[in-house]
PDB file of N, CA and C in Angstrom:
ATOM      1  N   UNK A   1       0.840  -1.192  -0.022  1.00  0.00           N
ATOM      2  CA  UNK A   1       0.016  -0.057   0.017  1.00  0.00           C
ATOM      3  C   UNK A   1       0.915   1.257   0.044  1.00  0.00           C
ATOM      4  N   UNK A   2       0.426   2.231  -0.896  1.00  0.00           N
ATOM      5  CA  UNK A   2       1.284   3.478  -0.815  1.00  0.00           C
ATOM      6  C   UNK A   2       1.115   4.204   0.501  1.00  0.00           C
ATOM      7  N   UNK A   3       1.988   5.194   0.875  1.00  0.00           N
ATOM      8  CA  UNK A   3       1.816   6.082   1.762  1.00  0.00           C
ATOM      9  C   UNK A   3       0.543   7.050   1.746  1.00  0.00           C
ATOM     10  N   UNK A   4       0.061   7.543   2.826  1.00  0.00           N
ATOM     11  CA  UNK A   4      -1.219   8.547   2.636  1.00  0.00           C
ATOM     12  C   UNK A   4      -0.843   9.788   1.816  1.00  0.00           C
ATOM     13  N   UNK A   5      -1.819  10.070   0.980  1.00  0.00           N
ATOM     14  CA  UNK A   5      -1.666  11.310   0.188  1.00  0.00           C
ATOM     15  C   UNK A   5      -1.263  12.441   0.848  1.00  0.00           C
ATOM     16  N   UNK A   6      -1.813  12.705   2.122  1.00  0.00           N
ATOM     17  CA  UNK A   6      -1.722  13.986   2.921  1.00  0.00           C
ATOM     18  C   UNK A   6      -0.322  13.795   3.598  1.00  0.00           C
ATOM     19  N   UNK A   7       0.428  12.750   3.623  1.00  0.00           N
ATOM     20  CA  UNK A   7       1.705  12.545   4.371  1.00  0.00           C
ATOM     21  C   UNK A   7       2.764  13.466   3.880  1.00  0.00           C
ATOM     22  N   UNK A   8       3.392  14.407   4.682  1.00  0.00           N
ATOM     23  CA  UNK A   8       4.572  15.142   4.269  1.00  0.00           C
ATOM     24  C   UNK A   8       5.712  14.666   4.981  1.00  0.00           C
ATOM     25  N   UNK A   9       6.680  14.255   3.980  1.00  0.00           N
ATOM     26  CA  UNK A   9       7.775  13.533   4.481  1.00  0.00           C
ATOM     27  C   UNK A   9       9.113  14.522   4.310  1.00  0.00           C
ATOM     28  N   UNK A  10       9.996  14.328   5.447  1.00  0.00           N
ATOM     29  CA  UNK A  10      11.268  15.239   5.440  1.00  0.00           C
ATOM     30  C   UNK A  10      12.239  14.184   5.754  1.00  0.00           C
ATOM     31  N   UNK A  11      13.606  14.500   5.293  1.00  0.00           N
ATOM     32  CA  UNK A  11      14.686  13.765   5.642  1.00  0.00           C
ATOM     33  C   UNK A  11      15.629  14.643   6.379  1.00  0.00           C
ATOM     34  N   UNK A  12      16.240  14.204   7.366  1.00  0.00           N
ATOM     35  CA  UNK A  12      17.211  15.005   8.234  1.00  0.00           C
ATOM     36  C   UNK A  12      18.531  13.918   8.146  1.00  0.00           C
ATOM     37  N   UNK A  13      19.690  14.340   7.687  1.00  0.00           N
ATOM     38  CA  UNK A  13      20.769  13.517   7.762  1.00  0.00           C
ATOM     39  C   UNK A  13      21.773  14.217   8.776  1.00  0.00           C
ATOM     40  N   UNK A  14      22.215  13.547   9.658  1.00  0.00           N
ATOM     41  CA  UNK A  14      23.162  14.097  10.698  1.00  0.00           C
ATOM     42  C   UNK A  14      24.063  12.956  11.147  1.00  0.00           C
ATOM     43  N   UNK A  15      25.177  13.471  11.868  1.00  0.00           N
ATOM     44  CA  UNK A  15      26.093  12.480  12.411  1.00  0.00           C
ATOM     45  C   UNK A  15      25.442  11.762  13.476  1.00  0.00           C
ATOM     46  N   UNK A  16      25.907  10.519  13.675  1.00  0.00           N
ATOM     47  CA  UNK A  16      25.368   9.555  14.662  1.00  0.00           C
ATOM     48  C   UNK A  16      25.405  10.256  16.033  1.00  0.00           C
ATOM     49  N   UNK A  17      26.450  10.888  16.247  1.00  0.00           N
ATOM     50  CA  UNK A  17      26.498  11.460  17.731  1.00  0.00           C
ATOM     51  C   UNK A  17      25.752  12.790  17.904  1.00  0.00           C
ATOM     52  N   UNK A  18      24.931  13.246  16.786  1.00  0.00           N
ATOM     53  CA  UNK A  18      24.083  14.210  17.025  1.00  0.00           C
ATOM     54  C   UNK A  18      22.741  13.855  17.125  1.00  0.00           C
ATOM     55  N   UNK A  19      22.175  12.628  16.822  1.00  0.00           N
ATOM     56  CA  UNK A  19      21.000  12.175  16.757  1.00  0.00           C
ATOM     57  C   UNK A  19      20.108  12.463  17.941  1.00  0.00           C
ATOM     58  N   UNK A  20      20.580  12.142  19.069  1.00  0.00           N
ATOM     59  CA  UNK A  20      19.690  12.243  20.260  1.00  0.00           C
ATOM     60  C   UNK A  20      19.526  13.759  20.547  1.00  0.00           C
ATOM     61  N   UNK A  21      20.429  14.747  20.333  1.00  0.00           N
ATOM     62  CA  UNK A  21      20.281  15.966  20.541  1.00  0.00           C
ATOM     63  C   UNK A  21      19.281  16.633  19.541  1.00  0.00           C
ATOM     64  N   UNK A  22      19.283  16.091  18.350  1.00  0.00           N
ATOM     65  CA  UNK A  22      18.314  16.715  17.250  1.00  0.00           C
ATOM     66  C   UNK A  22      16.928  16.133  17.595  1.00  0.00           C
ATOM     67  N   UNK A  23      16.902  14.861  18.102  1.00  0.00           N
ATOM     68  CA  UNK A  23      15.540  14.381  18.443  1.00  0.00           C
ATOM     69  C   UNK A  23      14.974  15.167  19.576  1.00  0.00           C
ATOM     70  N   UNK A  24      15.912  15.471  20.681  1.00  0.00           N
ATOM     71  CA  UNK A  24      15.396  16.144  21.839  1.00  0.00           C
ATOM     72  C   UNK A  24      14.951  17.581  21.580  1.00  0.00           C
ATOM     73  N   UNK A  25      15.697  18.265  20.501  1.00  0.00           N
ATOM     74  CA  UNK A  25      15.270  19.641  20.062  1.00  0.00           C
ATOM     75  C   UNK A  25      14.001  19.423  19.448  1.00  0.00           C
ATOM     76  N   UNK A  26      13.827  18.373  18.515  1.00  0.00           N
ATOM     77  CA  UNK A  26      12.536  18.292  17.793  1.00  0.00           C
ATOM     78  C   UNK A  26      11.411  18.100  18.837  1.00  0.00           C
ATOM     79  N   UNK A  27      11.500  17.235  19.848  1.00  0.00           N
ATOM     80  CA  UNK A  27      10.345  16.929  20.757  1.00  0.00           C
ATOM     81  C   UNK A  27      10.052  18.301  21.442  1.00  0.00           C
ATOM     82  N   UNK A  28      11.135  19.040  21.921  1.00  0.00           N
ATOM     83  CA  UNK A  28      11.048  20.151  22.606  1.00  0.00           C
ATOM     84  C   UNK A  28      10.128  21.211  21.820  1.00  0.00           C
ATOM     85  N   UNK A  29      10.405  21.415  20.485  1.00  0.00           N
ATOM     86  CA  UNK A  29       9.749  22.216  19.604  1.00  0.00           C
ATOM     87  C   UNK A  29       8.482  21.895  19.132  1.00  0.00           C
ATOM     88  N   UNK A  30       8.064  20.580  19.489  1.00  0.00           N
ATOM     89  CA  UNK A  30       6.775  20.123  19.041  1.00  0.00           C
ATOM     90  C   UNK A  30       6.170  19.373  20.242  1.00  0.00           C
ATOM     91  N   UNK A  31       6.225  19.961  21.538  1.00  0.00           N
ATOM     92  CA  UNK A  31       5.679  19.297  22.673  1.00  0.00           C
ATOM     93  C   UNK A  31       4.219  19.155  22.612  1.00  0.00           C
ATOM     94  N   UNK A  32       3.617  19.931  21.875  1.00  0.00           N
ATOM     95  CA  UNK A  32       2.164  19.603  21.935  1.00  0.00           C
ATOM     96  C   UNK A  32       1.678  18.593  20.908  1.00  0.00           C
ATOM     97  N   UNK A  33       2.674  18.048  20.250  1.00  0.00           N
ATOM     98  CA  UNK A  33       2.211  16.944  19.265  1.00  0.00           C
ATOM     99  C   UNK A  33       2.389  15.363  19.821  1.00  0.00           C
ATOM    100  N   UNK A  34       1.619  14.644  19.110  1.00  0.00           N
ATOM    101  CA  UNK A  34       1.704  13.285  19.527  1.00  0.00           C
ATOM    102  C   UNK A  34       2.678  12.775  18.544  1.00  0.00           C
ATOM    103  N   UNK A  35       3.890  12.269  19.022  1.00  0.00           N
ATOM    104  CA  UNK A  35       5.044  11.862  18.262  1.00  0.00           C
ATOM    105  C   UNK A  35       5.351  10.446  18.379  1.00  0.00           C
ATOM    106  N   UNK A  36       5.540   9.703  17.314  1.00  0.00           N
ATOM    107  CA  UNK A  36       5.818   8.256  17.417  1.00  0.00           C
ATOM    108  C   UNK A  36       7.401   8.140  16.871  1.00  0.00           C
ATOM    109  N   UNK A  37       8.225   7.456  17.554  1.00  0.00           N
ATOM    110  CA  UNK A  37       9.620   7.519  17.256  1.00  0.00           C
ATOM    111  C   UNK A  37      10.003   5.980  17.214  1.00  0.00           C
ATOM    112  N   UNK A  38      10.361   5.506  15.883  1.00  0.00           N
ATOM    113  CA  UNK A  38      10.633   4.170  15.768  1.00  0.00           C
ATOM    114  C   UNK A  38      12.264   3.920  15.806  1.00  0.00           C
ATOM    115  N   UNK A  39      12.571   2.794  16.438  1.00  0.00           N
ATOM    116  CA  UNK A  39      13.873   2.490  16.648  1.00  0.00           C
ATOM    117  C   UNK A  39      13.949   1.056  16.281  1.00  0.00           C
ATOM    118  N   UNK A  40      15.235   0.462  16.270  1.00  0.00           N
ATOM    119  CA  UNK A  40      15.416  -0.921  15.704  1.00  0.00           C
ATOM    120  C   UNK A  40      15.235  -2.037  16.806  1.00  0.00           C
ATOM    121  N   UNK A  41      15.642  -1.810  17.945  1.00  0.00           N
ATOM    122  CA  UNK A  41      15.686  -2.752  19.003  1.00  0.00           C
ATOM    123  C   UNK A  41      14.877  -2.424  20.309  1.00  0.00           C
ATOM    124  N   UNK A  42      14.588  -3.460  21.088  1.00  0.00           N
ATOM    125  CA  UNK A  42      14.044  -3.287  22.283  1.00  0.00           C
ATOM    126  C   UNK A  42      15.144  -2.454  23.182  1.00  0.00           C
ATOM    127  N   UNK A  43      16.403  -2.893  23.206  1.00  0.00           N
ATOM    128  CA  UNK A  43      17.305  -2.040  24.013  1.00  0.00           C
ATOM    129  C   UNK A  43      17.362  -0.646  23.672  1.00  0.00           C
ATOM    130  N   UNK A  44      17.295  -0.286  22.356  1.00  0.00           N
ATOM    131  CA  UNK A  44      17.208   1.024  21.866  1.00  0.00           C
ATOM    132  C   UNK A  44      16.001   1.914  22.365  1.00  0.00           C
ATOM    133  N   UNK A  45      15.019   0.943  22.606  1.00  0.00           N
ATOM    134  CA  UNK A  45      13.829   1.800  22.800  1.00  0.00           C
ATOM    135  C   UNK A  45      13.764   2.203  24.316  1.00  0.00           C
ATOM    136  N   UNK A  46      14.295   1.163  25.039  1.00  0.00           N
ATOM    137  CA  UNK A  46      14.494   1.303  26.533  1.00  0.00           C
ATOM    138  C   UNK A  46      15.613   2.451  26.938  1.00  0.00           C
ATOM    139  N   UNK A  47      16.603   2.477  26.202  1.00  0.00           N
ATOM    140  CA  UNK A  47      17.753   3.491  26.426  1.00  0.00           C
ATOM    141  C   UNK A  47      17.106   4.872  25.990  1.00  0.00           C
ATOM    142  N   UNK A  48      16.560   4.989  24.797  1.00  0.00           N
ATOM    143  CA  UNK A  48      15.996   6.224  24.502  1.00  0.00           C
ATOM    144  C   UNK A  48      14.900   6.749  25.337  1.00  0.00           C
ATOM    145  N   UNK A  49      14.148   5.924  25.814  1.00  0.00           N
ATOM    146  CA  UNK A  49      13.068   6.431  26.801  1.00  0.00           C
ATOM    147  C   UNK A  49      13.770   6.986  27.905  1.00  0.00           C
ATOM    148  N   UNK A  50      14.632   6.292  28.464  1.00  0.00           N
ATOM    149  CA  UNK A  50      15.337   6.669  29.662  1.00  0.00           C
ATOM    150  C   UNK A  50      16.304   7.990  29.543  1.00  0.00           C
ATOM    151  N   UNK A  51      16.795   8.078  28.306  1.00  0.00           N
ATOM    152  CA  UNK A  51      17.689   9.355  27.878  1.00  0.00           C
ATOM    153  C   UNK A  51      16.766  10.584  27.905  1.00  0.00           C
ATOM    154  N   UNK A  52      15.526  10.223  27.234  1.00  0.00           N
ATOM    155  CA  UNK A  52      14.600  11.459  27.166  1.00  0.00           C
ATOM    156  C   UNK A  52      14.006  11.791  28.448  1.00  0.00           C
ATOM    157  N   UNK A  53      13.823  10.874  29.241  1.00  0.00           N
ATOM    158  CA  UNK A  53      13.212  11.209  30.577  1.00  0.00           C
ATOM    159  C   UNK A  53      14.095  12.010  31.316  1.00  0.00           C
ATOM    160  N   UNK A  54      15.569  11.565  31.272  1.00  0.00           N
ATOM    161  CA  UNK A  54      16.525  12.356  32.100  1.00  0.00           C
ATOM    162  C   UNK A  54      16.617  13.762  31.411  1.00  0.00           C
ATOM    163  N   UNK A  55      16.388  14.095  30.075  1.00  0.00           N
ATOM    164  CA  UNK A  55      16.446  15.517  29.648  1.00  0.00           C
ATOM    165  C   UNK A  55      15.272  16.160  29.855  1.00  0.00           C
ATOM    166  N   UNK A  56      14.082  15.574  30.337  1.00  0.00           N
ATOM    167  CA  UNK A  56      12.834  16.294  30.501  1.00  0.00           C
ATOM    168  C   UNK A  56      12.388  17.091  29.412  1.00  0.00           C
ATOM    169  N   UNK A  57      11.976  16.709  28.446  1.00  0.00           N
ATOM    170  CA  UNK A  57      11.569  17.315  27.150  1.00  0.00           C
ATOM    171  C   UNK A  57      10.206  18.151  27.189  1.00  0.00           C
ATOM    172  N   UNK A  58       9.424  17.738  28.288  1.00  0.00           N
ATOM    173  CA  UNK A  58       8.125  18.518  28.495  1.00  0.00           C
ATOM    174  C   UNK A  58       7.031  17.847  27.969  1.00  0.00           C
ATOM    175  N   UNK A  59       7.112  16.526  27.517  1.00  0.00           N
ATOM    176  CA  UNK A  59       6.055  15.709  26.998  1.00  0.00           C
ATOM    177  C   UNK A  59       6.074  14.491  27.590  1.00  0.00           C
ATOM    178  N   UNK A  60       4.829  13.784  27.872  1.00  0.00           N
ATOM    179  CA  UNK A  60       4.861  12.536  28.562  1.00  0.00           C
ATOM    180  C   UNK A  60       5.550  11.447  27.564  1.00  0.00           C
ATOM    181  N   UNK A  61       6.254  10.530  28.024  1.00  0.00           N
ATOM    182  CA  UNK A  61       7.043   9.635  27.493  1.00  0.00           C
ATOM    183  C   UNK A  61       6.688   8.169  27.690  1.00  0.00           C
ATOM    184  N   UNK A  62       6.613   7.319  26.643  1.00  0.00           N
ATOM    185  CA  UNK A  62       6.508   5.859  26.934  1.00  0.00           C
ATOM    186  C   UNK A  62       7.274   5.153  25.867  1.00  0.00           C
ATOM    187  N   UNK A  63       7.300   3.876  26.090  1.00  0.00           N
ATOM    188  CA  UNK A  63       7.898   2.888  25.109  1.00  0.00           C
ATOM    189  C   UNK A  63       7.208   1.631  24.811  1.00  0.00           C
ATOM    190  N   UNK A  64       7.250   1.086  23.640  1.00  0.00           N
ATOM    191  CA  UNK A  64       6.492   0.004  23.304  1.00  0.00           C
ATOM    192  C   UNK A  64       7.356  -0.841  22.623  1.00  0.00           C
ATOM    193  N   UNK A  65       7.714  -2.040  23.115  1.00  0.00           N
ATOM    194  CA  UNK A  65       8.785  -2.966  22.646  1.00  0.00           C
ATOM    195  C   UNK A  65       8.393  -4.432  22.939  1.00  0.00           C
ATOM    196  N   UNK A  66       8.944  -5.354  22.222  1.00  0.00           N
ATOM    197  CA  UNK A  66       8.746  -6.696  22.263  1.00  0.00           C
ATOM    198  C   UNK A  66       9.210  -7.319  23.343  1.00  0.00           C
ATOM    199  N   UNK A  67       9.935  -6.921  24.412  1.00  0.00           N
ATOM    200  CA  UNK A  67      10.281  -7.346  25.700  1.00  0.00           C
ATOM    201  C   UNK A  67       9.103  -7.218  26.699  1.00  0.00           C
ATOM    202  N   UNK A  68       8.121  -6.391  26.294  1.00  0.00           N
ATOM    203  CA  UNK A  68       7.011  -6.151  27.246  1.00  0.00           C
ATOM    204  C   UNK A  68       5.945  -7.260  26.964  1.00  0.00           C
ATOM    205  N   UNK A  69       5.109  -7.564  28.010  1.00  0.00           N
ATOM    206  CA  UNK A  69       4.075  -8.472  27.727  1.00  0.00           C
ATOM    207  C   UNK A  69       2.876  -7.877  26.762  1.00  0.00           C
ATOM    208  N   UNK A  70       2.200  -8.830  26.116  1.00  0.00           N
ATOM    209  CA  UNK A  70       1.165  -8.147  25.241  1.00  0.00           C
ATOM    210  C   UNK A  70       0.310  -7.217  25.981  1.00  0.00           C
ATOM    211  N   UNK A  71      -0.144  -7.635  27.339  1.00  0.00           N
ATOM    212  CA  UNK A  71      -1.011  -6.895  27.948  1.00  0.00           C
ATOM    213  C   UNK A  71      -0.362  -5.441  28.194  1.00  0.00           C
ATOM    214  N   UNK A  72       0.853  -5.363  28.597  1.00  0.00           N
ATOM    215  CA  UNK A  72       1.629  -3.971  28.807  1.00  0.00           C
ATOM    216  C   UNK A  72       1.728  -3.230  27.434  1.00  0.00           C
ATOM    217  N   UNK A  73       1.895  -4.030  26.437  1.00  0.00           N
ATOM    218  CA  UNK A  73       2.020  -3.264  25.138  1.00  0.00           C
ATOM    219  C   UNK A  73       0.686  -2.520  24.718  1.00  0.00           C
ATOM    220  N   UNK A  74      -0.457  -3.282  24.990  1.00  0.00           N
ATOM    221  CA  UNK A  74      -1.893  -2.800  24.676  1.00  0.00           C
ATOM    222  C   UNK A  74      -2.032  -1.649  25.624  1.00  0.00           C
ATOM    223  N   UNK A  75      -1.745  -1.730  26.841  1.00  0.00           N
ATOM    224  CA  UNK A  75      -2.038  -0.588  27.975  1.00  0.00           C
ATOM    225  C   UNK A  75      -1.122   0.698  27.483  1.00  0.00           C
ATOM    226  N   UNK A  76       0.030   0.324  27.032  1.00  0.00           N
ATOM    227  CA  UNK A  76       0.758   1.520  26.726  1.00  0.00           C
ATOM    228  C   UNK A  76       0.365   2.164  25.504  1.00  0.00           C
ATOM    229  N   UNK A  77       0.067   1.408  24.394  1.00  0.00           N
ATOM    230  CA  UNK A  77      -0.616   2.027  23.360  1.00  0.00           C
ATOM    231  C   UNK A  77      -1.893   2.872  23.696  1.00  0.00           C
ATOM    232  N   UNK A  78      -2.913   2.187  24.413  1.00  0.00           N
ATOM    233  CA  UNK A  78      -4.191   2.677  24.631  1.00  0.00           C
ATOM    234  C   UNK A  78      -3.816   4.116  25.450  1.00  0.00           C
ATOM    235  N   UNK A  79      -3.046   4.166  26.376  1.00  0.00           N
ATOM    236  CA  UNK A  79      -2.679   5.328  27.056  1.00  0.00           C
ATOM    237  C   UNK A  79      -2.250   6.458  26.094  1.00  0.00           C
ATOM    238  N   UNK A  80      -1.319   6.110  25.112  1.00  0.00           N
ATOM    239  CA  UNK A  80      -0.894   7.012  24.031  1.00  0.00           C
ATOM    240  C   UNK A  80      -1.952   7.435  23.324  1.00  0.00           C
ATOM    241  N   UNK A  81      -2.893   6.593  22.594  1.00  0.00           N
ATOM    242  CA  UNK A  81      -4.022   6.802  21.977  1.00  0.00           C
ATOM    243  C   UNK A  81      -5.052   7.768  22.650  1.00  0.00           C
ATOM    244  N   UNK A  82      -5.212   7.560  23.835  1.00  0.00           N
ATOM    245  CA  UNK A  82      -6.064   8.352  24.515  1.00  0.00           C
ATOM    246  C   UNK A  82      -5.743   9.714  24.815  1.00  0.00           C
ATOM    247  N   UNK A  83      -4.642  10.147  24.825  1.00  0.00           N
ATOM    248  CA  UNK A  83      -4.028  11.346  25.204  1.00  0.00           C
ATOM    249  C   UNK A  83      -4.534  12.349  24.195  1.00  0.00           C
ATOM    250  N   UNK A  84      -4.939  13.457  24.707  1.00  0.00           N
ATOM    251  CA  UNK A  84      -5.573  14.549  23.732  1.00  0.00           C
ATOM    252  C   UNK A  84      -4.313  15.635  23.411  1.00  0.00           C
ATOM    253  N   UNK A  85      -3.445  15.626  24.266  1.00  0.00           N
ATOM    254  CA  UNK A  85      -2.222  16.491  24.084  1.00  0.00           C
ATOM    255  C   UNK A  85      -1.044  15.892  23.611  1.00  0.00           C
ATOM    256  N   UNK A  86       0.102  16.461  23.666  1.00  0.00           N
ATOM    257  CA  UNK A  86       1.399  15.957  23.219  1.00  0.00           C
ATOM    258  C   UNK A  86       1.900  14.766  23.956  1.00  0.00           C
ATOM    259  N   UNK A  87       2.574  13.848  23.376  1.00  0.00           N
ATOM    260  CA  UNK A  87       3.096  12.765  23.976  1.00  0.00           C
ATOM    261  C   UNK A  87       4.224  12.249  23.007  1.00  0.00           C
ATOM    262  N   UNK A  88       5.261  11.297  23.583  1.00  0.00           N
ATOM    263  CA  UNK A  88       6.182  10.697  22.724  1.00  0.00           C
ATOM    264  C   UNK A  88       6.071   9.284  23.115  1.00  0.00           C
ATOM    265  N   UNK A  89       5.966   8.435  22.002  1.00  0.00           N
ATOM    266  CA  UNK A  89       6.012   6.934  22.144  1.00  0.00           C
ATOM    267  C   UNK A  89       7.283   6.260  21.281  1.00  0.00           C
ATOM    268  N   UNK A  90       8.067   5.871  22.084  1.00  0.00           N
ATOM    269  CA  UNK A  90       9.153   5.223  21.262  1.00  0.00           C
ATOM    270  C   UNK A  90       8.769   3.729  21.121  1.00  0.00           C
ATOM    271  N   UNK A  91       8.969   3.206  19.886  1.00  0.00           N
ATOM    272  CA  UNK A  91       8.471   1.897  19.571  1.00  0.00           C
ATOM    273  C   UNK A  91       9.403   1.255  18.613  1.00  0.00           C
ATOM    274  N   UNK A  92       9.320  -0.313  18.729  1.00  0.00           N
ATOM    275  CA  UNK A  92       9.970  -0.961  17.773  1.00  0.00           C
ATOM    276  C   UNK A  92       8.928  -1.461  16.764  1.00  0.00           C
ATOM    277  N   UNK A  93       9.300  -1.913  15.550  1.00  0.00           N
ATOM    278  CA  UNK A  93       8.344  -2.461  14.447  1.00  0.00           C
ATOM    279  C   UNK A  93       7.600  -3.536  14.950  1.00  0.00           C
ATOM    280  N   UNK A  94       8.269  -4.530  15.616  1.00  0.00           N
ATOM    281  CA  UNK A  94       7.615  -5.732  16.079  1.00  0.00           C
ATOM    282  C   UNK A  94       6.554  -5.495  17.161  1.00  0.00           C
ATOM    283  N   UNK A  95       6.730  -4.556  18.030  1.00  0.00           N
ATOM    284  CA  UNK A  95       5.885  -4.103  19.144  1.00  0.00           C
ATOM    285  C   UNK A  95       4.712  -3.301  18.368  1.00  0.00           C
ATOM    286  N   UNK A  96       4.920  -2.602  17.478  1.00  0.00           N
ATOM    287  CA  UNK A  96       3.851  -1.853  16.773  1.00  0.00           C
ATOM    288  C   UNK A  96       2.966  -2.614  15.946  1.00  0.00           C
ATOM    289  N   UNK A  97       3.333  -3.767  15.434  1.00  0.00           N
ATOM    290  CA  UNK A  97       2.583  -4.575  14.529  1.00  0.00           C
ATOM    291  C   UNK A  97       1.087  -4.874  15.075  1.00  0.00           C
ATOM    292  N   UNK A  98       0.099  -4.617  14.139  1.00  0.00           N
ATOM    293  CA  UNK A  98      -1.293  -4.696  14.463  1.00  0.00           C
ATOM    294  C   UNK A  98      -1.934  -3.729  15.305  1.00  0.00           C
ATOM    295  N   UNK A  99      -1.198  -2.691  15.591  1.00  0.00           N
ATOM    296  CA  UNK A  99      -2.036  -1.490  16.336  1.00  0.00           C
ATOM    297  C   UNK A  99      -2.294  -0.423  15.171  1.00  0.00           C
ATOM    298  N   UNK A 100      -3.418   0.247  15.676  1.00  0.00           N
ATOM    299  CA  UNK A 100      -3.967   1.218  14.737  1.00  0.00           C
ATOM    300  C   UNK A 100      -3.679   2.564  15.213  1.00  0.00           C
ATOM    301  N   UNK A 101      -2.409   2.898  14.687  1.00  0.00           N
ATOM    302  CA  UNK A 101      -1.952   4.173  14.912  1.00  0.00           C
ATOM    303  C   UNK A 101      -2.630   5.458  14.485  1.00  0.00           C
ATOM    304  N   UNK A 102      -3.320   5.138  13.265  1.00  0.00           N
ATOM    305  CA  UNK A 102      -4.279   6.117  12.725  1.00  0.00           C
ATOM    306  C   UNK A 102      -5.342   6.602  13.797  1.00  0.00           C
ATOM    307  N   UNK A 103      -5.822   5.586  14.538  1.00  0.00           N
ATOM    308  CA  UNK A 103      -6.784   5.822  15.582  1.00  0.00           C
ATOM    309  C   UNK A 103      -6.155   6.699  16.771  1.00  0.00           C
ATOM    310  N   UNK A 104      -4.997   6.553  16.838  1.00  0.00           N
ATOM    311  CA  UNK A 104      -4.116   7.354  17.882  1.00  0.00           C
ATOM    312  C   UNK A 104      -3.909   8.897  17.586  1.00  0.00           C
ATOM    313  N   UNK A 105      -4.263   9.192  16.434  1.00  0.00           N
ATOM    314  CA  UNK A 105      -4.107  10.570  15.901  1.00  0.00           C
ATOM    315  C   UNK A 105      -2.803  11.004  15.985  1.00  0.00           C
ATOM    316  N   UNK A 106      -1.788  10.230  15.605  1.00  0.00           N
ATOM    317  CA  UNK A 106      -0.402  10.639  15.608  1.00  0.00           C
ATOM    318  C   UNK A 106      -0.016  11.710  14.710  1.00  0.00           C
ATOM    319  N   UNK A 107       0.635  12.623  15.198  1.00  0.00           N
ATOM    320  CA  UNK A 107       0.946  14.014  14.383  1.00  0.00           C
ATOM    321  C   UNK A 107       2.364  13.745  13.533  1.00  0.00           C
ATOM    322  N   UNK A 108       3.214  13.091  14.154  1.00  0.00           N
ATOM    323  CA  UNK A 108       4.450  12.870  13.688  1.00  0.00           C
ATOM    324  C   UNK A 108       5.122  11.623  13.887  1.00  0.00           C
ATOM    325  N   UNK A 109       5.762  11.050  12.631  1.00  0.00           N
ATOM    326  CA  UNK A 109       6.327   9.762  12.849  1.00  0.00           C
ATOM    327  C   UNK A 109       7.973  10.004  12.606  1.00  0.00           C
ATOM    328  N   UNK A 110       8.758   9.603  13.525  1.00  0.00           N
ATOM    329  CA  UNK A 110      10.196   9.624  13.364  1.00  0.00           C
ATOM    330  C   UNK A 110      10.861   8.338  13.333  1.00  0.00           C
ATOM    331  N   UNK A 111      11.498   8.180  12.186  1.00  0.00           N
ATOM    332  CA  UNK A 111      12.399   7.028  11.849  1.00  0.00           C
ATOM    333  C   UNK A 111      13.817   7.185  12.503  1.00  0.00           C
ATOM    334  N   UNK A 112      13.945   7.105  13.781  1.00  0.00           N
ATOM    335  CA  UNK A 112      15.258   7.355  14.269  1.00  0.00           C
ATOM    336  C   UNK A 112      16.345   6.464  13.931  1.00  0.00           C
ATOM    337  N   UNK A 113      15.787   5.215  13.598  1.00  0.00           N
ATOM    338  CA  UNK A 113      16.467   4.142  12.860  1.00  0.00           C
ATOM    339  C   UNK A 113      15.880   3.777  11.636  1.00  0.00           C
ATOM    340  N   UNK A 114      16.702   3.640  10.580  1.00  0.00           N
ATOM    341  CA  UNK A 114      15.984   3.286   9.223  1.00  0.00           C
ATOM    342  C   UNK A 114      15.325   1.995   9.213  1.00  0.00           C
ATOM    343  N   UNK A 115      14.063   1.939   8.708  1.00  0.00           N
ATOM    344  CA  UNK A 115      13.363   0.491   8.636  1.00  0.00           C
ATOM    345  C   UNK A 115      14.235  -0.439   7.787  1.00  0.00           C
ATOM    346  N   UNK A 116      13.787  -1.707   7.965  1.00  0.00           N
ATOM    347  CA  UNK A 116      14.542  -2.806   7.270  1.00  0.00           C
ATOM    348  C   UNK A 116      14.327  -2.726   5.705  1.00  0.00           C
ATOM    349  N   UNK A 117      13.096  -2.370   5.429  1.00  0.00           N
ATOM    350  CA  UNK A 117      12.694  -2.287   3.950  1.00  0.00           C
ATOM    351  C   UNK A 117      11.547  -1.299   3.635  1.00  0.00           C
ATOM    352  N   UNK A 118      11.297  -1.116   2.521  1.00  0.00           N
ATOM    353  CA  UNK A 118      10.288  -0.238   2.093  1.00  0.00           C
ATOM    354  C   UNK A 118       8.872  -0.432   2.748  1.00  0.00           C
ATOM    355  N   UNK A 119       8.566  -1.761   2.790  1.00  0.00           N
ATOM    356  CA  UNK A 119       7.176  -2.233   3.390  1.00  0.00           C
ATOM    357  C   UNK A 119       7.099  -1.778   4.953  1.00  0.00           C
ATOM    358  N   UNK A 120       8.246  -1.878   5.669  1.00  0.00           N
ATOM    359  CA  UNK A 120       8.314  -1.528   6.969  1.00  0.00           C
ATOM    360  C   UNK A 120       8.122   0.236   7.040  1.00  0.00           C
ATOM    361  N   UNK A 121       8.689   0.790   6.128  1.00  0.00           N
ATOM    362  CA  UNK A 121       8.649   2.163   6.256  1.00  0.00           C
ATOM    363  C   UNK A 121       7.218   2.740   5.938  1.00  0.00           C
ATOM    364  N   UNK A 122       6.597   2.084   4.977  1.00  0.00           N
ATOM    365  CA  UNK A 122       5.133   2.255   4.857  1.00  0.00           C
ATOM    366  C   UNK A 122       4.229   2.015   5.922  1.00  0.00           C
ATOM    367  N   UNK A 123       4.449   0.759   6.528  1.00  0.00           N
ATOM    368  CA  UNK A 123       3.636   0.427   7.788  1.00  0.00           C
ATOM    369  C   UNK A 123       3.986   1.541   8.937  1.00  0.00           C
ATOM    370  N   UNK A 124       5.200   1.952   9.129  1.00  0.00           N
ATOM    371  CA  UNK A 124       5.562   2.865  10.313  1.00  0.00           C
ATOM    372  C   UNK A 124       4.869   4.163  10.050  1.00  0.00           C
ATOM    373  N   UNK A 125       4.857   4.490   8.713  1.00  0.00           N
ATOM    374  CA  UNK A 125       4.554   5.810   8.364  1.00  0.00           C
ATOM    375  C   UNK A 125       2.940   6.119   8.354  1.00  0.00           C
ATOM    376  N   UNK A 126       2.269   5.015   8.094  1.00  0.00           N
ATOM    377  CA  UNK A 126       0.768   5.054   8.180  1.00  0.00           C
ATOM    378  C   UNK A 126       0.163   4.952   6.939  1.00  0.00           C
TER     379      UNK A 126
END
């Protein structure tokens, strides 16, 4: 399936050591937005969540990854989807499979780590 017609896509290329700083700045600048951040591994999801918590970007933070129980993943997703204001959800592809992110009214999707293939990109982007 193609990406949605209304989807605006942007690419930012940066040095690896600048990724977290750029993400933090982006989240701070869009604190009222619901932002979904995709990473490659469960360890990266946990690390990024803790790094952002330590930096206090001003938005509620949560992570969704495959090391969580199905019940925990569903609860985290539902809490994110129910928020009417800004929030950041860090997720892996596997954990996000089968969840209706369109219903969560996500404003921004960030591919902090590149997806495995084009189909994964389309799935992530909605």
